[in-house]
């Protein structure tokens, strides 16, 4: 890889001497110290199991997928884990499309060794039916921009994608309980992978005779004499060690690199966990369906909320009772008015019986006189000439009351006619009594 980069990226002698002289004074061309990392940024996609890592100018994307396959014969109860890398010519001029290069295969092996040999992923939990069906986890790493130190950036992208990946939940069905039934995410929540620890890769570069730097850039990789990648977790356990040729290294230098790598692994692990926690929080909020019009009950003060609800119900019941009482009062007032009207009405021609003995003639005359006075205004049209003649006189209109005189005369005439009818009605009754008395005498 270094030879291919040397062929594509030819640095002048002055540039190499400038990098080496800057390292002698513990400075680098990008302003960092020898053991400082570049800025690490971790992002996640919309789908579970996708990550995007940017380490300085190095840009890597990771995707995790799964499928049901048959297990290996020597391990029938364990799933499989595989890593594949893809180098795009857009990332670096030395990368070629099509068949993976030697460095691409080497990068995949470094990441795979750090994950699988350290048992970071629980492969036994990926077994569905022993000896028949297991889950196969595939990690695809896409190099978008080569800014140096692809090993560390690819390792972080793989871990972030594994932590956010969720496989579909499956159950066994059928008569023999050997048929696998996959449930979609809408039916059952997908299950995350069981990851015991996070193996972090830390890469060192040897420049010159005694210069040692961490996280080399693309320019530093072009002039370095050797490289060493150490994969370890936060507990200080070494998961993998890779030194692809180059100049030799003393044992004391290797132990120094291990101490530095353990510190850097703890810092990178905390950044990965923080990013994953924020992603899980956002994912949980997206799954919850919020309704703005729903009144949520306060958990901290349930008593006050219950009191408010009871008071609201009490007010509603009082309003209903008040409205019902008002309606009853109105109905009783109507009934009372009707009863008063019925009591004031003493009788009329339709209900009067001339043969009844309890008839009061005085009241009857008064009622008939009042009815006659009420009916007189209908006959005032025939008296228009008399009224006009009286208006022509010199007397004031306030002293003349033609209507009252007419009503009195009409009432008297009707009263006399009613008396005659009463006398005619009483005469047959007296005749019947006389006949009965004559018959008894005979």
Protein backbone atom coordinates (compact mmCIF):
# COMPACT_ATOMS: atom_id res chain seq x y z
CA UNK A 1 0.00 0.00 0.00
CA UNK A 2 2.83 2.39 0.88
CA UNK A 3 4.50 1.65 -2.44
CA UNK A 4 1.31 2.36 -4.38
CA UNK A 5 0.77 5.58 -2.49
CA UNK A 6 4.36 6.56 -3.19
CA UNK A 7 3.76 6.06 -6.90
CA UNK A 8 0.61 8.22 -6.92
CA UNK A 9 1.58 10.80 -4.33
CA UNK A 10 5.14 11.90 -5.02
CA UNK A 11 6.40 14.21 -2.29
CA UNK A 12 9.46 16.30 -2.74
CA UNK A 13 12.52 16.00 -0.55
CA UNK A 14 11.84 19.37 1.05
CA UNK A 15 8.32 18.28 2.07
CA UNK A 16 9.64 15.13 3.70
CA UNK A 17 12.35 17.05 5.58
CA UNK A 18 9.76 19.59 6.73
CA UNK A 19 7.52 16.88 8.22
CA UNK A 20 10.48 15.18 9.97
CA UNK A 21 11.89 18.42 11.34
CA UNK A 22 8.46 19.45 12.65
CA UNK A 23 8.13 16.11 14.48
CA UNK A 24 11.50 16.60 16.14
CA UNK A 25 10.00 19.67 17.83
CA UNK A 26 6.82 17.64 18.66
CA UNK A 27 4.68 19.40 16.07
CA UNK A 28 2.77 18.12 13.08
CA UNK A 29 1.77 19.79 9.84
CA UNK A 30 -1.88 20.07 10.92
CA UNK A 31 -0.99 21.61 14.29
CA UNK A 32 -1.49 18.52 16.47
CA UNK A 33 0.80 16.95 19.00
CA UNK A 34 2.33 13.53 18.19
CA UNK A 35 -0.24 11.65 20.29
CA UNK A 36 -3.38 13.67 19.48
CA UNK A 37 -6.34 12.38 17.48
CA UNK A 38 -8.13 14.36 14.84
CA UNK A 39 -11.74 15.40 15.35
CA UNK A 40 -14.05 12.39 15.36
CA UNK A 41 -17.66 12.80 14.15
CA UNK A 42 -20.22 9.98 14.25
CA UNK A 43 -23.56 10.19 12.44
CA UNK A 44 -26.33 7.71 11.79
CA UNK A 45 -28.69 7.17 8.89
CA UNK A 46 -32.45 6.82 8.84
CA UNK A 47 -32.35 3.05 8.88
CA UNK A 48 -31.01 0.92 11.71
CA UNK A 49 -27.49 -0.38 11.22
CA UNK A 50 -26.07 2.51 9.17
CA UNK A 51 -23.32 4.85 10.34
CA UNK A 52 -21.15 7.59 8.94
CA UNK A 53 -17.78 8.38 10.53
CA UNK A 54 -15.51 11.28 9.74
CA UNK A 55 -12.02 11.36 11.21
CA UNK A 56 -10.42 14.57 9.99
CA UNK A 57 -10.59 14.31 6.19
CA UNK A 58 -11.18 10.54 6.27
CA UNK A 59 -14.77 9.64 5.51
CA UNK A 60 -16.16 6.10 5.94
CA UNK A 61 -19.69 4.69 5.86
CA UNK A 62 -20.74 1.40 7.45
CA UNK A 63 -23.82 -0.76 6.84
CA UNK A 64 -24.90 -3.90 8.68
CA UNK A 65 -27.33 -6.45 7.21
CA UNK A 66 -28.49 -9.90 8.23
CA UNK A 67 -29.98 -13.01 6.67
CA UNK A 68 -30.82 -16.58 7.65
CA UNK A 69 -28.24 -19.14 6.49
CA UNK A 70 -27.12 -22.64 7.38
CA UNK A 71 -24.38 -22.76 10.04
CA UNK A 72 -20.94 -24.30 9.70
CA UNK A 73 -20.69 -27.97 10.57
CA UNK A 74 -18.07 -27.44 13.26
CA UNK A 75 -20.19 -24.68 14.89
CA UNK A 76 -23.88 -25.57 14.45
CA UNK A 77 -25.04 -23.34 17.35
CA UNK A 78 -23.29 -20.11 16.31
CA UNK A 79 -24.05 -17.42 13.76
CA UNK A 80 -21.52 -15.89 11.43
CA UNK A 81 -19.90 -12.45 11.20
CA UNK A 82 -18.13 -11.15 8.08
CA UNK A 83 -16.59 -7.82 7.05
CA UNK A 84 -16.32 -6.49 3.49
CA UNK A 85 -14.65 -3.28 2.32
CA UNK A 86 -15.15 -1.30 -0.84
CA UNK A 87 -12.67 1.30 -2.04
CA UNK A 88 -14.10 3.89 -4.38
CA UNK A 89 -11.82 5.61 -6.93
CA UNK A 90 -13.45 8.85 -5.79
CA UNK A 91 -11.75 8.45 -2.39
CA UNK A 92 -8.18 8.15 -3.68
CA UNK A 93 -6.54 8.05 -7.14
CA UNK A 94 -4.71 4.87 -6.18
CA UNK A 95 -7.95 2.95 -5.64
CA UNK A 96 -9.26 0.98 -8.57
CA UNK A 97 -12.82 -0.14 -9.17
CA UNK A 98 -13.75 -3.79 -9.48
CA UNK A 99 -11.58 -6.37 -7.80
CA UNK A 100 -10.58 -5.43 -4.23
CA UNK A 101 -6.95 -4.49 -3.76
CA UNK A 102 -4.50 -5.99 -1.30
CA UNK A 103 -4.94 -3.11 1.11
CA UNK A 104 -8.73 -3.52 0.98
CA UNK A 105 -8.41 -7.19 1.91
CA UNK A 106 -5.95 -6.34 4.67
CA UNK A 107 -8.24 -3.66 6.09
CA UNK A 108 -11.17 -6.09 6.18
CA UNK A 109 -9.08 -8.71 7.97
CA UNK A 110 -7.91 -6.25 10.63
CA UNK A 111 -11.47 -5.21 11.45
CA UNK A 112 -12.75 -8.81 11.32
CA UNK A 113 -10.01 -10.09 13.59
CA UNK A 114 -10.65 -7.41 16.19
CA UNK A 115 -14.39 -8.20 16.31
CA UNK A 116 -14.60 -11.95 15.84
CA UNK A 117 -11.47 -13.22 17.60
CA UNK A 118 -12.25 -11.14 20.67
CA UNK A 119 -15.83 -12.50 20.88
CA UNK A 120 -17.19 -8.96 20.99
CA UNK A 121 -20.43 -10.07 19.29
CA UNK A 122 -22.37 -12.92 20.89
CA UNK A 123 -22.68 -15.32 17.95
CA UNK A 124 -24.53 -17.97 19.96
CA UNK A 125 -27.50 -15.62 20.33
CA UNK A 126 -27.77 -15.61 16.53
CA UNK A 127 -28.82 -19.26 16.42
CA UNK A 128 -32.47 -19.92 15.48
CA UNK A 129 -32.54 -23.71 14.89
CA UNK A 130 -29.40 -25.60 15.87
CA UNK A 131 -27.69 -27.08 12.86
CA UNK A 132 -30.28 -25.67 10.44
CA UNK A 133 -30.81 -21.90 10.64
CA UNK A 134 -28.61 -19.12 12.06
CA UNK A 135 -28.28 -15.41 11.46
CA UNK A 136 -25.39 -14.22 9.29
CA UNK A 137 -24.26 -10.65 10.08
CA UNK A 138 -22.53 -8.79 7.25
CA UNK A 139 -20.64 -5.50 7.68
CA UNK A 140 -20.00 -3.42 4.56
CA UNK A 141 -17.51 -0.56 4.81
CA UNK A 142 -17.42 2.05 2.04
CA UNK A 143 -14.41 4.38 1.84
CA UNK A 144 -15.63 7.75 0.61
CA UNK A 145 -12.53 9.86 1.23
CA UNK A 146 -9.01 8.75 2.12
CA UNK A 147 -7.49 11.31 4.47
CA UNK A 148 -5.27 8.79 6.25
CA UNK A 149 -5.70 6.18 8.99
CA UNK A 150 -8.48 4.14 7.36
CA UNK A 151 -8.16 1.39 9.97
CA UNK A 152 -9.33 3.47 12.93
CA UNK A 153 -12.13 5.20 11.02
CA UNK A 154 -13.41 1.91 9.58
CA UNK A 155 -13.32 0.25 13.00
CA UNK A 156 -15.41 3.02 14.57
CA UNK A 157 -17.89 2.89 11.67
CA UNK A 158 -18.30 -0.87 12.08
CA UNK A 159 -18.88 -0.63 15.83
CA UNK A 160 -21.40 2.23 15.50
CA UNK A 161 -23.35 0.30 12.86
CA UNK A 162 -23.40 -2.86 14.98
CA UNK A 163 -24.66 -0.99 18.05
CA UNK A 164 -27.58 0.52 16.14
CA UNK A 165 -28.48 -2.58 14.11
CA UNK A 166 -31.65 -4.57 14.91
CA UNK A 167 -32.50 -7.90 13.38
CA UNK A 168 -36.10 -9.06 12.80
CA UNK A 169 -37.65 -11.17 15.52
CA UNK A 170 -38.49 -14.73 14.51
CA UNK A 171 -40.46 -17.59 16.04
CA UNK A 172 -40.82 -21.28 15.32
CA UNK A 173 -44.06 -22.70 13.97
CA UNK A 174 -45.43 -25.62 12.04
CA UNK A 175 -46.26 -29.13 13.14
CA UNK A 176 -42.68 -30.07 14.02
CA UNK A 177 -41.78 -26.60 15.37
CA UNK A 178 -39.04 -26.30 12.77
CA UNK A 179 -40.60 -23.65 10.51
CA UNK A 180 -39.14 -20.17 11.00
CA UNK A 181 -41.62 -17.26 10.96
CA UNK A 182 -40.16 -13.76 10.51
CA UNK A 183 -42.16 -10.91 12.03
CA UNK A 184 -42.03 -7.45 10.39
CA UNK A 185 -41.13 -4.38 12.49
CA UNK A 186 -44.79 -3.28 12.54
CA UNK A 187 -45.82 -6.48 14.29
CA UNK A 188 -42.92 -7.02 16.69
CA UNK A 189 -40.05 -4.80 17.71
CA UNK A 190 -36.71 -5.87 16.15
CA UNK A 191 -34.00 -7.15 18.47
CA UNK A 192 -30.57 -5.54 18.86
CA UNK A 193 -27.34 -7.51 18.81
CA UNK A 194 -25.66 -8.60 22.02
CA UNK A 195 -22.23 -6.91 22.17
CA UNK A 196 -20.05 -7.68 25.17
CA UNK A 197 -17.35 -5.04 24.68
CA UNK A 198 -16.06 -2.56 22.09
CA UNK A 199 -12.67 -3.36 20.55
CA UNK A 200 -11.09 -0.07 19.47
CA UNK A 201 -8.28 0.05 16.87
CA UNK A 202 -5.47 2.57 17.42
CA UNK A 203 -2.87 3.04 14.66
CA UNK A 204 0.70 4.32 15.10
CA UNK A 205 3.09 5.46 12.39
CA UNK A 206 6.94 5.43 12.52
CA UNK A 207 8.48 8.37 10.73
CA UNK A 208 12.24 8.66 10.56
CA UNK A 209 14.40 6.97 13.15
CA UNK A 210 12.72 7.80 16.46
CA UNK A 211 9.55 9.71 15.59
CA UNK A 212 6.28 8.04 16.64
CA UNK A 213 2.86 9.54 15.90
CA UNK A 214 -0.73 8.43 16.36
CA UNK A 215 -3.56 8.76 13.78
CA UNK A 216 -1.35 9.55 10.74
CA UNK A 217 -2.69 11.71 7.92
CA UNK A 218 -2.46 11.04 4.19
CA UNK A 219 0.77 13.07 3.95
CA UNK A 220 2.37 11.34 6.93
CA UNK A 221 1.52 7.90 5.52
CA UNK A 222 3.42 8.81 2.35
CA UNK A 223 6.68 9.37 4.30
CA UNK A 224 6.31 6.85 7.17
CA UNK A 225 8.68 3.93 7.45
CA UNK A 226 6.27 1.56 9.25
CA UNK A 227 2.83 1.21 10.77
CA UNK A 228 1.36 -0.67 13.73
CA UNK A 229 -2.35 -1.16 14.64
CA UNK A 230 -3.39 -2.28 18.11
CA UNK A 231 -7.00 -3.28 18.91
CA UNK A 232 -8.00 -3.31 22.58
CA UNK A 233 -11.00 -2.51 24.78
CA UNK A 234 -11.51 -0.26 27.78
CA UNK A 235 -10.43 -3.04 30.15
CA UNK A 236 -6.94 -2.98 28.64
CA UNK A 237 -7.37 -6.39 26.97
CA UNK A 238 -5.51 -6.68 23.66
CA UNK A 239 -7.91 -8.03 21.01
CA UNK A 240 -5.67 -7.84 17.93
CA UNK A 241 -2.19 -6.68 16.92
CA UNK A 242 -1.11 -5.84 13.37
CA UNK A 243 2.31 -4.68 12.08
CA UNK A 244 2.56 -5.05 8.30
CA UNK A 245 6.34 -5.03 7.73
CA UNK A 246 8.43 -1.88 7.56
CA UNK A 247 11.17 -0.96 9.99
CA UNK A 248 11.70 -2.92 13.18
CA UNK A 249 10.34 -1.83 16.57
CA UNK A 250 11.78 -2.26 20.03
CA UNK A 251 9.81 -3.98 22.81
CA UNK A 252 9.86 -0.84 24.95
CA UNK A 253 8.26 1.10 22.09
CA UNK A 254 5.51 -1.54 21.75
CA UNK A 255 4.72 -1.31 25.48
CA UNK A 256 4.61 2.46 25.24
CA UNK A 257 2.18 2.18 22.34
CA UNK A 258 -0.03 -0.17 24.36
CA UNK A 259 -0.26 2.28 27.25
CA UNK A 260 -1.14 5.15 24.93
CA UNK A 261 -3.67 3.01 23.01
CA UNK A 262 -5.52 2.01 26.21
CA UNK A 263 -6.09 5.69 27.06
CA UNK A 264 -7.23 6.55 23.54
CA UNK A 265 -9.55 3.51 23.44
CA UNK A 266 -11.38 4.77 26.53
CA UNK A 267 -11.92 8.21 24.97
CA UNK A 268 -13.20 6.79 21.67
CA UNK A 269 -15.49 4.33 23.48
CA UNK A 270 -17.14 7.13 25.44
CA UNK A 271 -17.76 9.10 22.22
CA UNK A 272 -19.32 6.07 20.51
CA UNK A 273 -21.62 5.34 23.46
CA UNK A 274 -22.73 8.97 23.67
CA UNK A 275 -23.61 9.05 19.97
CA UNK A 276 -25.49 5.73 20.18
CA UNK A 277 -27.50 6.85 23.21
CA UNK A 278 -28.61 10.02 21.45
CA UNK A 279 -29.60 7.96 18.40
CA UNK A 280 -31.65 5.54 20.52
CA UNK A 281 -33.42 8.46 22.20
CA UNK A 282 -34.37 10.00 18.86
CA UNK A 283 -35.53 6.64 17.57
CA UNK A 284 -37.78 6.11 20.60
CA UNK A 285 -39.31 9.57 20.15
CA UNK A 286 -40.04 8.90 16.49
CA UNK A 287 -41.87 5.70 17.33
CA UNK A 288 -44.16 7.41 19.83
CA UNK A 289 -47.31 8.94 18.28
CA UNK A 290 -48.00 12.29 19.87
CA UNK A 291 -51.38 14.03 19.86
CA UNK A 292 -51.41 17.69 20.74
CA UNK A 293 -55.07 17.74 21.81
CA UNK A 294 -54.74 14.97 24.42
CA UNK A 295 -54.56 16.19 28.02
CA UNK A 296 -51.86 14.16 29.73
CA UNK A 297 -52.20 13.43 33.47
CA UNK A 298 -49.32 14.79 35.57
CA UNK A 299 -47.57 11.88 37.25
CA UNK A 300 -45.88 14.06 39.86
CA UNK A 301 -49.18 15.53 41.13
CA UNK A 302 -51.93 12.96 40.54
CA UNK A 303 -54.06 14.22 43.43
CA UNK A 304 -54.45 17.74 42.07
CA UNK A 305 -55.26 16.42 38.60
CA UNK A 306 -57.93 14.11 40.05
CA UNK A 307 -59.42 16.99 42.04
CA UNK A 308 -59.65 19.11 38.90
CA UNK A 309 -61.41 16.31 37.05
CA UNK A 310 -63.88 15.78 39.93
CA UNK A 311 -64.56 19.52 40.21
CA UNK A 312 -65.26 19.69 36.49
CA UNK A 313 -67.72 16.79 36.75
CA UNK A 314 -69.38 18.42 39.78
CA UNK A 315 -69.83 21.71 37.95
CA UNK A 316 -71.37 19.90 34.99
CA UNK A 317 -73.80 18.01 37.26
CA UNK A 318 -74.78 21.27 39.01
CA UNK A 319 -75.43 22.93 35.67
CA UNK A 320 -77.61 20.01 34.62
CA UNK A 321 -79.59 20.11 37.89
CA UNK A 322 -80.05 23.90 37.62
CA UNK A 323 -81.30 23.60 34.06
CA UNK A 324 -83.70 20.81 35.09
CA UNK A 325 -85.03 22.84 38.04
CA UNK A 326 -85.52 25.89 35.81
CA UNK A 327 -87.44 23.77 33.32
CA UNK A 328 -89.62 22.37 36.13
CA UNK A 329 -90.31 25.89 37.46
CA UNK A 330 -91.34 27.08 34.01
CA UNK A 331 -93.60 24.06 33.54
CA UNK A 332 -95.22 24.58 36.98
CA UNK A 333 -95.80 28.26 36.14
CA UNK A 334 -97.54 27.28 32.93
CA UNK A 335 -99.77 24.77 34.78
CA UNK A 336 -100.62 27.36 37.42
CA UNK A 337 -101.62 29.89 34.79
CA UNK A 338 -103.85 27.32 33.12
CA UNK A 339 -105.53 26.43 36.44
CA UNK A 340 -106.15 30.14 37.16
CA UNK A 341 -107.76 30.54 33.79
CA UNK A 342 -109.98 27.50 34.39
CA UNK A 343 -111.02 28.83 37.82
CA UNK A 344 -111.96 32.26 36.42
CA UNK A 345 -114.17 30.67 33.77
CA UNK A 346 -117.55 29.80 35.36
CA UNK A 347 -119.35 28.38 32.36
CA UNK A 348 -120.77 29.13 28.95
CA UNK A 349 -123.59 28.27 26.62
CA UNK A 350 -122.02 24.98 25.61
CA UNK A 351 -121.84 23.67 29.20
CA UNK A 352 -125.12 25.23 30.47
CA UNK A 353 -128.00 22.86 31.18
CA UNK A 354 -131.43 24.67 31.42
CA UNK A 355 -132.97 21.68 33.29
CA UNK A 356 -130.33 21.66 36.07
CA UNK A 357 -131.46 22.90 39.46
CA UNK A 358 -128.14 24.56 40.45
CA UNK A 359 -128.26 27.38 37.89
CA UNK A 360 -127.70 30.89 39.23
CA UNK A 361 -129.55 33.30 37.01
CA UNK A 362 -127.74 36.41 38.29
CA UNK A 363 -124.31 35.09 37.36
CA UNK A 364 -125.64 33.90 34.05
CA UNK A 365 -126.99 37.36 33.28
CA UNK A 366 -123.69 38.99 34.18
CA UNK A 367 -121.74 36.61 31.94
CA UNK A 368 -124.11 37.16 29.08
CA UNK A 369 -123.89 40.92 29.54
CA UNK A 370 -120.06 40.76 29.46
CA UNK A 371 -120.13 38.59 26.33
CA UNK A 372 -122.54 41.02 24.71
CA UNK A 373 -120.25 43.98 25.48
CA UNK A 374 -117.30 42.14 23.95
CA UNK A 375 -119.25 41.37 20.79
CA UNK A 376 -120.64 44.93 20.30
CA UNK A 377 -117.53 46.49 18.62
CA UNK A 378 -118.16 44.25 15.57
CA UNK A 379 -121.41 46.30 14.94
CA UNK A 380 -119.85 49.76 15.20
CA UNK A 381 -119.53 50.07 11.43
CA UNK A 382 -123.32 50.65 11.10
CA UNK A 383 -123.15 53.53 13.56
CA UNK A 384 -120.60 55.62 11.71
CA UNK A 385 -123.14 58.33 10.75
CA UNK A 386 -124.20 58.99 14.32
CA UNK A 387 -120.58 59.22 15.51
CA UNK A 388 -119.64 61.70 12.77
CA UNK A 389 -122.68 63.86 13.58
CA UNK A 390 -121.68 63.98 17.23
CA UNK A 391 -118.10 64.94 16.34
CA UNK A 392 -119.44 67.92 14.44
CA UNK A 393 -121.01 69.33 17.58
CA UNK A 394 -119.30 71.90 19.72
CA UNK A 395 -118.95 69.60 22.73
CA UNK A 396 -115.54 68.02 23.34
CA UNK A 397 -115.00 64.41 22.36
CA UNK A 398 -113.85 63.42 25.81
CA UNK A 399 -117.37 64.02 27.27
CA UNK A 400 -119.20 61.95 24.66
CA UNK A 401 -119.16 58.15 25.03
CA UNK A 402 -121.34 56.66 22.26
CA UNK A 403 -119.77 53.24 22.51
CA UNK A 404 -120.61 52.77 26.16
CA UNK A 405 -124.26 53.81 25.65
CA UNK A 406 -124.67 51.50 22.72
CA UNK A 407 -123.12 48.55 24.57
CA UNK A 408 -125.43 49.11 27.54
CA UNK A 409 -128.55 49.17 25.36
CA UNK A 410 -127.45 46.09 23.43
CA UNK A 411 -126.72 44.27 26.67
CA UNK A 412 -130.17 45.06 28.04
CA UNK A 413 -131.89 43.79 24.88
CA UNK A 414 -129.90 40.53 25.00
CA UNK A 415 -130.67 40.11 28.70
CA UNK A 416 -134.42 40.45 28.10
CA UNK A 417 -134.26 37.94 25.25
CA UNK A 418 -132.43 35.47 27.52
CA UNK A 419 -135.03 35.90 30.26
CA UNK A 420 -137.82 35.07 27.82
CA UNK A 421 -136.00 31.91 26.75
CA UNK A 422 -135.59 30.91 30.41
CA UNK A 423 -139.30 31.41 31.09
CA UNK A 424 -140.21 29.38 28.00
CA UNK A 425 -137.87 26.59 29.19
CA UNK A 426 -139.35 26.56 32.72
CA UNK A 427 -143.04 26.40 31.53
CA UNK A 428 -142.86 22.77 30.20
CA UNK A 429 -141.40 21.64 33.48
CA UNK A 430 -144.30 23.17 35.45
CA UNK A 431 -146.80 21.55 33.07
CA UNK A 432 -145.27 18.10 33.72
CA UNK A 433 -145.63 18.61 37.48
CA UNK A 434 -149.28 19.63 37.12
CA UNK A 435 -150.02 16.51 35.03
CA UNK A 436 -148.43 14.29 37.67
CA UNK A 437 -150.51 15.90 40.44
CA UNK A 438 -153.79 15.50 38.42
CA UNK A 439 -153.05 11.87 37.68
CA UNK A 440 -152.43 11.19 41.37
CA UNK A 441 -155.74 12.85 42.30
CA UNK A 442 -157.65 10.68 39.81
